[in-house]
Amino acid sequence: MKHFLCGGITALAIALTSCGNANKQAGAAEACADSCATPARALINRLHAVVADSLILFGHHDDTAYGHEWKYEAGRSDVLETAGSYPALMNWDLGLIELGDSVQLDGVPFDFIRREVAAQDARGGINSLSWHLRNPKSGGDAWDVSMEPVHEIVVPGTAMNDTLRAWIGRAADFIGSLKDEHGRRIPVLFRPWHEHHGNWFWWGRKFSTPEEHKALWKLTRDVFDEHDIDNVVWVYSYDLADDSGETEARYPGHDMVDVVGTDIYHFGGEPATDHFRATVHRQLKALQDLTAGTDKIMAFTETGLESVTIPTWYTEVLLPLIKEYPVAYVCVWRNAWDKPEHYYAPYKGHPAADDFRKFAQDPRVLMAGELPE
């Protein structure tokens, strides 16, 4: 058990408590104007406190929806069953919310996500949302690059612009509906248009100019503002850092973004470990350069080694890397119930389970039960 949560986190807890009694002290009221004005601001402050204490939140995608060889079993989590705690951060995807569907692209009902977001918030954890939305021009999925809609989307008055506005509005309304037992909106991290430096999504580098990509971000922010959504912390997440200038050229601006992250997977197993390490160093260093002198938060937004084929991957590969950089959180991808090899967190009995438990017990790593209330 970790007993050192002081410093920035304790200060934050005191500030939040003070905000609840703002009428008693003028000073507390002034503090509240900054840290408690919106649900999003409270989450931003919480993440800053985590970084200030040199801590890192561990996250897992679809953690309680399904796991290796199981799905929709109340209370279950492969992370819980190996590490002894739920992850500090749970990521969920909104794919198909744009069409008004009742389930998202991996078959998880949106009502289930809504309940699990509230449950994770109640246990002191944090929620993140990604969005693999359909191609509005071809009708295909997010990976369908047969048609390029961005050029039309960013032009007001076009059919594509109208369609995407409606789609973004549905995502905004869903996020606005995420509330706790007291009816208060739950703050979430929202990561749209991710991995845009690659060419596998229809919003990728090859299918839009830097200015069009920034216009896509502005359109998204404008629609959320029109829907009065105040519980979103905006996450910009790319996947490729190089010397071409594209990283900064496509950045929508500090006024559009709260968290800057990167997605890097460990492909190729043990032989590719040095390559993975080098890529992580290059991209997290690029994040540091991009955020230098700002109040932007860094994050390792997606990563993982499929099937965790290196038994000590968590403690000997991932942990040393993230300890070198001020990232607020790291998130691994899902454990698919219907694809035996497609999992990124060890399940009970897996050869890497003991190592994963050691990772979760590291003083720098936070799980759900270790965050401040």
Protein backbone atom coordinates (compact mmCIF):
# COMPACT_ATOMS: atom_id res chain seq x y z
CA MET A 1 0.00 0.00 0.00
CA LYS A 2 1.25 3.46 -0.87
CA HIS A 3 1.08 6.06 1.90
CA PHE A 4 2.94 8.98 0.37
CA LEU A 5 0.17 10.84 -1.46
CA CYS A 6 1.01 14.28 -0.21
CA GLY A 7 2.51 17.31 -1.92
CA GLY A 8 0.46 18.40 -4.91
CA ILE A 9 -2.30 15.84 -4.40
CA THR A 10 -2.88 16.70 -0.76
CA ALA A 11 -2.92 20.38 -1.65
CA LEU A 12 -5.48 19.66 -4.34
CA ALA A 13 -7.67 17.69 -1.94
CA ILE A 14 -7.58 20.60 0.51
CA ALA A 15 -8.45 23.06 -2.25
CA LEU A 16 -11.40 20.96 -3.38
CA THR A 17 -12.63 20.66 0.21
CA SER A 18 -12.33 24.41 0.61
CA CYS A 19 -14.43 24.91 -2.50
CA GLY A 20 -17.27 23.04 -0.82
CA ASN A 21 -17.28 25.67 1.94
CA ALA A 22 -16.66 28.70 -0.23
CA ASN A 23 -19.11 30.87 1.69
CA LYS A 24 -17.00 30.58 4.84
CA GLN A 25 -13.81 32.07 3.47
CA ALA A 26 -13.13 34.67 0.81
CA GLY A 27 -9.84 32.96 0.02
CA ALA A 28 -11.58 29.67 -0.60
CA ALA A 29 -14.04 31.40 -2.91
CA GLU A 30 -11.18 32.88 -4.91
CA ALA A 31 -9.53 29.46 -5.19
CA CYS A 32 -12.81 27.96 -6.30
CA ALA A 33 -13.09 30.45 -9.15
CA ASP A 34 -10.01 28.85 -10.67
CA SER A 35 -10.08 25.19 -9.65
CA CYS A 36 -13.80 24.43 -9.36
CA ALA A 37 -15.41 26.57 -12.06
CA THR A 38 -16.15 23.54 -14.26
CA PRO A 39 -15.84 19.78 -13.95
CA ALA A 40 -13.12 19.91 -16.63
CA ARG A 41 -11.05 22.41 -14.65
CA ALA A 42 -11.19 20.19 -11.57
CA LEU A 43 -9.85 17.23 -13.58
CA ILE A 44 -7.10 19.36 -15.13
CA ASN A 45 -5.98 20.43 -11.67
CA ARG A 46 -6.08 16.83 -10.52
CA LEU A 47 -3.78 15.78 -13.36
CA HIS A 48 -1.40 18.65 -12.64
CA ALA A 49 -1.23 17.47 -9.03
CA VAL A 50 -0.40 13.94 -10.14
CA VAL A 51 2.48 15.24 -12.26
CA ALA A 52 3.68 17.53 -9.46
CA ASP A 53 4.06 14.49 -7.21
CA SER A 54 5.90 12.57 -9.99
CA LEU A 55 3.12 9.98 -10.14
CA ILE A 56 1.62 8.16 -13.13
CA LEU A 57 -1.94 6.89 -13.53
CA PHE A 58 -2.29 3.45 -15.12
CA GLY A 59 -5.09 3.04 -17.64
CA HIS A 60 -6.77 0.21 -19.58
CA HIS A 61 -9.28 0.33 -22.44
CA ASP A 62 -12.76 -1.22 -21.89
CA ASP A 63 -11.50 -2.62 -18.60
CA THR A 64 -14.79 -3.71 -17.01
CA ALA A 65 -16.73 -4.46 -20.21
CA TYR A 66 -14.85 -7.64 -21.04
CA GLY A 67 -11.52 -9.41 -20.62
CA HIS A 68 -9.64 -12.44 -21.77
CA GLU A 69 -12.39 -15.06 -22.33
CA TRP A 70 -15.18 -13.22 -20.48
CA LYS A 71 -17.58 -10.33 -21.04
CA TYR A 72 -20.15 -8.35 -19.03
CA GLU A 73 -19.60 -10.03 -15.68
CA ALA A 74 -20.39 -7.55 -12.93
CA GLY A 75 -17.34 -6.32 -11.08
CA ARG A 76 -14.83 -8.26 -13.19
CA SER A 77 -11.62 -6.79 -14.51
CA ASP A 78 -8.48 -8.57 -15.68
CA VAL A 79 -6.46 -5.74 -14.12
CA LEU A 80 -8.27 -6.10 -10.81
CA GLU A 81 -7.74 -9.87 -10.81
CA THR A 82 -3.99 -9.57 -11.40
CA ALA A 83 -2.98 -6.28 -9.76
CA GLY A 84 -5.56 -6.25 -6.95
CA SER A 85 -7.03 -2.88 -7.99
CA TYR A 86 -8.98 -1.41 -10.85
CA PRO A 87 -6.92 0.82 -13.17
CA ALA A 88 -6.78 4.49 -12.24
CA LEU A 89 -7.98 5.39 -15.74
CA MET A 90 -10.47 3.60 -17.97
CA ASN A 91 -10.76 4.43 -21.65
CA TRP A 92 -13.96 3.93 -23.65
CA ASP A 93 -14.66 4.45 -27.34
CA LEU A 94 -17.56 6.38 -28.87
CA GLY A 95 -17.44 4.83 -32.34
CA LEU A 96 -21.02 4.64 -33.79
CA ILE A 97 -22.40 7.28 -31.39
CA GLU A 98 -22.38 9.48 -34.49
CA LEU A 99 -25.04 7.28 -36.11
CA GLY A 100 -27.22 7.21 -33.01
CA ASP A 101 -26.52 3.50 -32.40
CA SER A 102 -27.13 1.98 -28.98
CA VAL A 103 -23.81 0.08 -28.98
CA GLN A 104 -20.33 1.21 -30.00
CA LEU A 105 -18.05 -0.34 -32.60
CA ASP A 106 -16.86 -3.19 -30.33
CA GLY A 107 -20.39 -4.02 -29.25
CA VAL A 108 -20.34 -2.26 -25.87
CA PRO A 109 -23.72 -0.62 -25.13
CA PHE A 110 -23.53 3.10 -24.54
CA ASP A 111 -25.79 2.71 -21.51
CA PHE A 112 -23.18 0.32 -20.09
CA ILE A 113 -20.43 2.87 -20.72
CA ARG A 114 -22.50 5.55 -19.01
CA ARG A 115 -22.91 3.35 -15.91
CA GLU A 116 -19.26 2.31 -15.85
CA VAL A 117 -18.05 5.90 -16.20
CA ALA A 118 -20.09 6.72 -13.11
CA ALA A 119 -18.77 3.65 -11.26
CA GLN A 120 -15.17 4.52 -12.10
CA ASP A 121 -15.72 8.11 -10.98
CA ALA A 122 -17.29 6.90 -7.72
CA ARG A 123 -14.24 4.76 -6.91
CA GLY A 124 -12.02 7.81 -7.41
CA GLY A 125 -10.85 6.89 -10.88
CA ILE A 126 -10.68 8.84 -14.12
CA ASN A 127 -12.36 8.19 -17.47
CA SER A 128 -11.10 8.80 -20.99
CA LEU A 129 -12.96 8.67 -24.31
CA SER A 130 -11.62 8.03 -27.80
CA TRP A 131 -13.67 8.15 -30.99
CA HIS A 132 -13.27 5.92 -34.05
CA LEU A 133 -16.05 7.55 -36.07
CA ARG A 134 -17.26 6.41 -39.48
CA ASN A 135 -16.15 7.97 -42.75
CA PRO A 136 -19.03 10.36 -43.53
CA LYS A 137 -18.32 10.33 -47.27
CA SER A 138 -17.86 6.63 -47.97
CA GLY A 139 -20.03 5.26 -45.16
CA GLY A 140 -17.18 2.97 -44.15
CA ASP A 141 -15.47 2.69 -40.80
CA ALA A 142 -12.71 4.91 -39.40
CA TRP A 143 -10.09 2.90 -41.31
CA ASP A 144 -11.83 3.35 -44.67
CA VAL A 145 -9.65 5.79 -46.60
CA SER A 146 -11.26 5.15 -49.99
CA MET A 147 -12.78 8.65 -49.90
CA GLU A 148 -11.37 11.83 -48.37
CA PRO A 149 -14.05 13.92 -46.63
CA VAL A 150 -11.94 16.41 -44.64
CA HIS A 151 -11.53 18.85 -47.56
CA GLU A 152 -15.32 19.27 -47.65
CA ILE A 153 -15.98 18.93 -43.93
CA VAL A 154 -14.07 22.07 -43.04
CA VAL A 155 -16.06 24.20 -45.52
CA PRO A 156 -19.15 25.69 -43.82
CA GLY A 157 -22.41 25.01 -45.59
CA THR A 158 -21.35 21.80 -47.30
CA ALA A 159 -23.22 18.55 -46.81
CA MET A 160 -20.14 17.02 -45.18
CA ASN A 161 -19.85 19.95 -42.77
CA ASP A 162 -23.52 19.62 -41.80
CA THR A 163 -23.16 15.86 -41.32
CA LEU A 164 -20.12 16.12 -39.11
CA ARG A 165 -21.68 18.90 -37.04
CA ALA A 166 -24.62 16.60 -36.32
CA TRP A 167 -22.26 13.72 -35.49
CA ILE A 168 -20.14 15.83 -33.17
CA GLY A 169 -23.32 17.07 -31.52
CA ARG A 170 -24.34 13.50 -30.68
CA ALA A 171 -20.94 12.85 -29.12
CA ALA A 172 -21.21 16.09 -27.16
CA ASP A 173 -24.67 15.26 -25.88
CA PHE A 174 -23.54 11.81 -24.73
CA ILE A 175 -20.58 13.26 -22.87
CA GLY A 176 -22.81 15.90 -21.32
CA SER A 177 -25.10 13.11 -20.08
CA LEU A 178 -22.32 11.48 -18.01
CA LYS A 179 -23.35 12.28 -14.44
CA ASP A 180 -22.72 11.00 -10.93
CA GLU A 181 -25.34 9.93 -8.41
CA HIS A 182 -25.91 13.56 -7.45
CA GLY A 183 -26.62 14.62 -11.02
CA ARG A 184 -23.29 16.39 -11.48
CA ARG A 185 -21.45 16.05 -14.75
CA ILE A 186 -18.44 13.74 -14.59
CA PRO A 187 -15.27 15.19 -16.13
CA VAL A 188 -13.69 13.07 -18.85
CA LEU A 189 -10.64 13.16 -21.08
CA PHE A 190 -11.73 13.33 -24.73
CA ARG A 191 -9.27 12.34 -27.48
CA PRO A 192 -10.69 12.98 -30.95
CA TRP A 193 -8.80 12.82 -34.27
CA HIS A 194 -6.03 10.71 -32.74
CA GLU A 195 -3.04 9.18 -34.57
CA HIS A 196 -3.53 11.75 -37.31
CA HIS A 197 0.11 11.63 -38.43
CA GLY A 198 -0.50 8.14 -39.78
CA ASN A 199 -2.54 7.29 -42.86
CA TRP A 200 -4.81 4.53 -41.54
CA PHE A 201 -7.71 6.81 -40.47
CA TRP A 202 -9.65 8.99 -42.92
CA TRP A 203 -8.56 12.09 -40.97
CA GLY A 204 -4.88 11.14 -41.31
CA ARG A 205 -1.89 13.06 -42.56
CA LYS A 206 -2.30 12.07 -46.22
CA PHE A 207 -5.95 13.09 -46.36
CA SER A 208 -5.86 16.62 -44.94
CA THR A 209 -3.54 19.61 -44.90
CA PRO A 210 -2.24 20.93 -41.56
CA GLU A 211 -4.67 23.85 -41.81
CA GLU A 212 -7.58 21.52 -42.52
CA HIS A 213 -6.67 19.36 -39.54
CA LYS A 214 -6.65 22.41 -37.28
CA ALA A 215 -9.99 23.48 -38.74
CA LEU A 216 -11.35 20.01 -37.88
CA TRP A 217 -10.36 20.60 -34.26
CA LYS A 218 -11.91 24.06 -34.21
CA LEU A 219 -15.15 22.68 -35.64
CA THR A 220 -15.25 20.06 -32.89
CA ARG A 221 -14.63 22.60 -30.16
CA ASP A 222 -17.23 24.98 -31.59
CA VAL A 223 -19.96 22.32 -31.62
CA PHE A 224 -19.15 21.26 -28.05
CA ASP A 225 -19.40 24.90 -26.99
CA GLU A 226 -22.74 25.22 -28.77
CA HIS A 227 -23.96 22.25 -26.71
CA ASP A 228 -22.69 23.85 -23.46
CA ILE A 229 -20.38 20.96 -22.60
CA ASP A 230 -18.16 21.86 -19.63
CA ASN A 231 -16.87 18.44 -18.55
CA VAL A 232 -14.31 17.75 -21.31
CA VAL A 233 -10.55 17.85 -20.94
CA TRP A 234 -9.23 17.97 -24.52
CA VAL A 235 -6.49 15.50 -25.48
CA TYR A 236 -4.37 15.89 -28.62
CA SER A 237 -2.73 12.56 -29.46
CA TYR A 238 -0.36 11.85 -32.33
CA ASP A 239 1.55 8.73 -33.25
CA LEU A 240 4.64 9.79 -35.21
CA ALA A 241 7.35 12.29 -34.32
CA ASP A 242 9.90 13.19 -36.95
CA ASP A 243 11.91 16.15 -38.17
CA SER A 244 9.53 17.19 -40.93
CA GLY A 245 7.82 19.86 -38.85
CA GLU A 246 4.46 18.11 -39.17
CA THR A 247 4.09 17.62 -35.43
CA GLU A 248 3.94 21.34 -34.75
CA ALA A 249 2.34 22.21 -38.07
CA ARG A 250 -0.76 20.13 -37.29
CA TYR A 251 -1.01 21.13 -33.65
CA PRO A 252 -4.33 22.98 -33.22
CA GLY A 253 -2.92 25.40 -30.64
CA HIS A 254 -2.59 25.66 -26.89
CA ASP A 255 -6.04 27.28 -26.68
CA MET A 256 -7.60 24.12 -28.13
CA VAL A 257 -5.75 21.48 -26.09
CA ASP A 258 -5.31 20.58 -22.39
CA VAL A 259 -3.33 17.33 -22.68
CA VAL A 260 -0.76 16.40 -25.32
CA GLY A 261 -0.15 12.69 -25.79
CA THR A 262 1.26 10.08 -28.10
CA ASP A 263 0.36 6.52 -29.13
CA ILE A 264 3.25 4.05 -29.47
CA TYR A 265 2.88 0.26 -29.57
CA HIS A 266 5.60 -2.33 -29.06
CA PHE A 267 5.37 -4.28 -32.31
CA GLY A 268 7.70 -7.16 -33.07
CA GLY A 269 8.16 -8.61 -29.59
CA GLU A 270 11.54 -9.03 -27.89
CA PRO A 271 13.69 -8.39 -31.00
CA ALA A 272 12.07 -4.96 -31.42
CA THR A 273 12.47 -3.81 -27.81
CA ASP A 274 15.32 -1.41 -28.51
CA HIS A 275 13.36 0.11 -31.39
CA PHE A 276 10.33 0.57 -29.14
CA ARG A 277 12.46 2.25 -26.46
CA ALA A 278 14.03 4.59 -29.00
CA THR A 279 10.63 5.52 -30.41
CA VAL A 280 9.20 6.24 -26.97
CA HIS A 281 12.17 8.44 -26.09
CA ARG A 282 11.90 10.33 -29.38
CA GLN A 283 8.18 10.94 -29.12
CA LEU A 284 7.99 11.79 -25.43
CA LYS A 285 10.92 14.18 -25.92
CA ALA A 286 8.93 15.76 -28.77
CA LEU A 287 6.02 16.19 -26.32
CA GLN A 288 8.33 17.93 -23.88
CA ASP A 289 9.50 20.29 -26.61
CA LEU A 290 5.93 21.01 -27.72
CA THR A 291 4.69 21.72 -24.19
CA ALA A 292 7.78 23.55 -22.88
CA GLY A 293 6.86 26.77 -21.10
CA THR A 294 3.12 25.98 -21.16
CA ASP A 295 0.64 24.51 -18.68
CA LYS A 296 -0.14 21.59 -20.99
CA ILE A 297 -0.14 18.08 -19.48
CA MET A 298 1.81 15.21 -21.06
CA ALA A 299 0.42 11.68 -21.42
CA PHE A 300 1.26 8.32 -22.97
CA THR A 301 -2.21 7.93 -24.44
CA GLU A 302 -1.94 4.44 -25.97
CA THR A 303 0.65 1.71 -25.76
CA GLY A 304 1.11 -1.99 -25.18
CA LEU A 305 2.68 -5.25 -26.26
CA GLU A 306 0.05 -7.56 -27.69
CA SER A 307 -0.24 -10.82 -25.68
CA VAL A 308 2.46 -9.42 -23.32
CA THR A 309 4.95 -11.88 -24.78
CA ILE A 310 7.79 -10.47 -22.67
CA PRO A 311 7.05 -11.61 -19.07
CA THR A 312 8.85 -8.60 -17.55
CA TRP A 313 7.59 -6.02 -20.06
CA TYR A 314 5.79 -3.89 -17.51
CA THR A 315 8.66 -3.49 -15.02
CA GLU A 316 11.67 -3.72 -17.33
CA VAL A 317 10.45 -2.03 -20.51
CA LEU A 318 7.47 0.24 -19.84
CA LEU A 319 8.14 1.45 -16.29
CA PRO A 320 11.72 2.72 -16.82
CA LEU A 321 10.54 4.66 -19.88
CA ILE A 322 7.61 6.44 -18.29
CA LYS A 323 9.63 7.27 -15.19
CA GLU A 324 11.90 9.45 -17.31
CA TYR A 325 9.15 11.83 -18.41
CA PRO A 326 6.47 13.87 -16.62
CA VAL A 327 3.51 11.96 -18.07
CA ALA A 328 0.28 12.10 -16.09
CA TYR A 329 -0.95 8.72 -17.30
CA VAL A 330 -0.22 5.72 -19.49
CA CYS A 331 -2.98 3.63 -21.07
CA VAL A 332 -2.73 0.15 -22.60
CA TRP A 333 -5.28 -1.19 -25.05
CA ARG A 334 -8.02 -3.73 -24.49
CA ASN A 335 -8.24 -7.43 -23.60
CA ALA A 336 -10.59 -8.75 -26.29
CA TRP A 337 -12.84 -11.57 -25.11
CA ASP A 338 -13.27 -12.99 -28.62
CA LYS A 339 -9.68 -12.72 -29.91
CA PRO A 340 -7.42 -14.97 -27.80
CA GLU A 341 -4.17 -13.21 -28.76
CA HIS A 342 -5.50 -9.64 -28.62
CA TYR A 343 -4.85 -8.46 -25.07
CA TYR A 344 -2.48 -5.95 -23.47
CA ALA A 345 -2.92 -6.41 -19.70
CA PRO A 346 -2.02 -9.79 -18.20
CA TYR A 347 -4.96 -11.85 -17.01
CA LYS A 348 -5.01 -14.18 -14.00
CA GLY A 349 -2.56 -17.02 -14.52
CA HIS A 350 -0.67 -15.30 -17.34
CA PRO A 351 3.16 -15.60 -17.23
CA ALA A 352 3.43 -11.81 -16.87
CA ALA A 353 0.86 -11.52 -14.04
CA ASP A 354 3.42 -11.34 -11.21
CA ASP A 355 5.46 -8.73 -13.04
CA PHE A 356 2.34 -6.69 -13.71
CA ARG A 357 1.49 -6.80 -10.02
CA LYS A 358 4.96 -5.46 -9.21
CA PHE A 359 4.42 -2.70 -11.76
CA ALA A 360 1.11 -1.73 -10.15
CA GLN A 361 2.74 -1.68 -6.70
CA ASP A 362 5.55 0.64 -7.75
CA PRO A 363 5.45 3.87 -5.68
CA ARG A 364 5.17 5.97 -8.83
CA VAL A 365 2.20 4.08 -10.31
CA LEU A 366 -1.35 4.86 -9.22
CA MET A 367 -4.33 2.51 -9.44
CA ALA A 368 -7.98 3.45 -8.83
CA GLY A 369 -7.96 2.96 -5.07
CA GLU A 370 -4.90 5.14 -4.66
CA LEU A 371 -6.24 8.38 -6.09
CA PRO A 372 -7.55 11.09 -3.77
CA GLU A 373 -11.30 11.13 -3.26
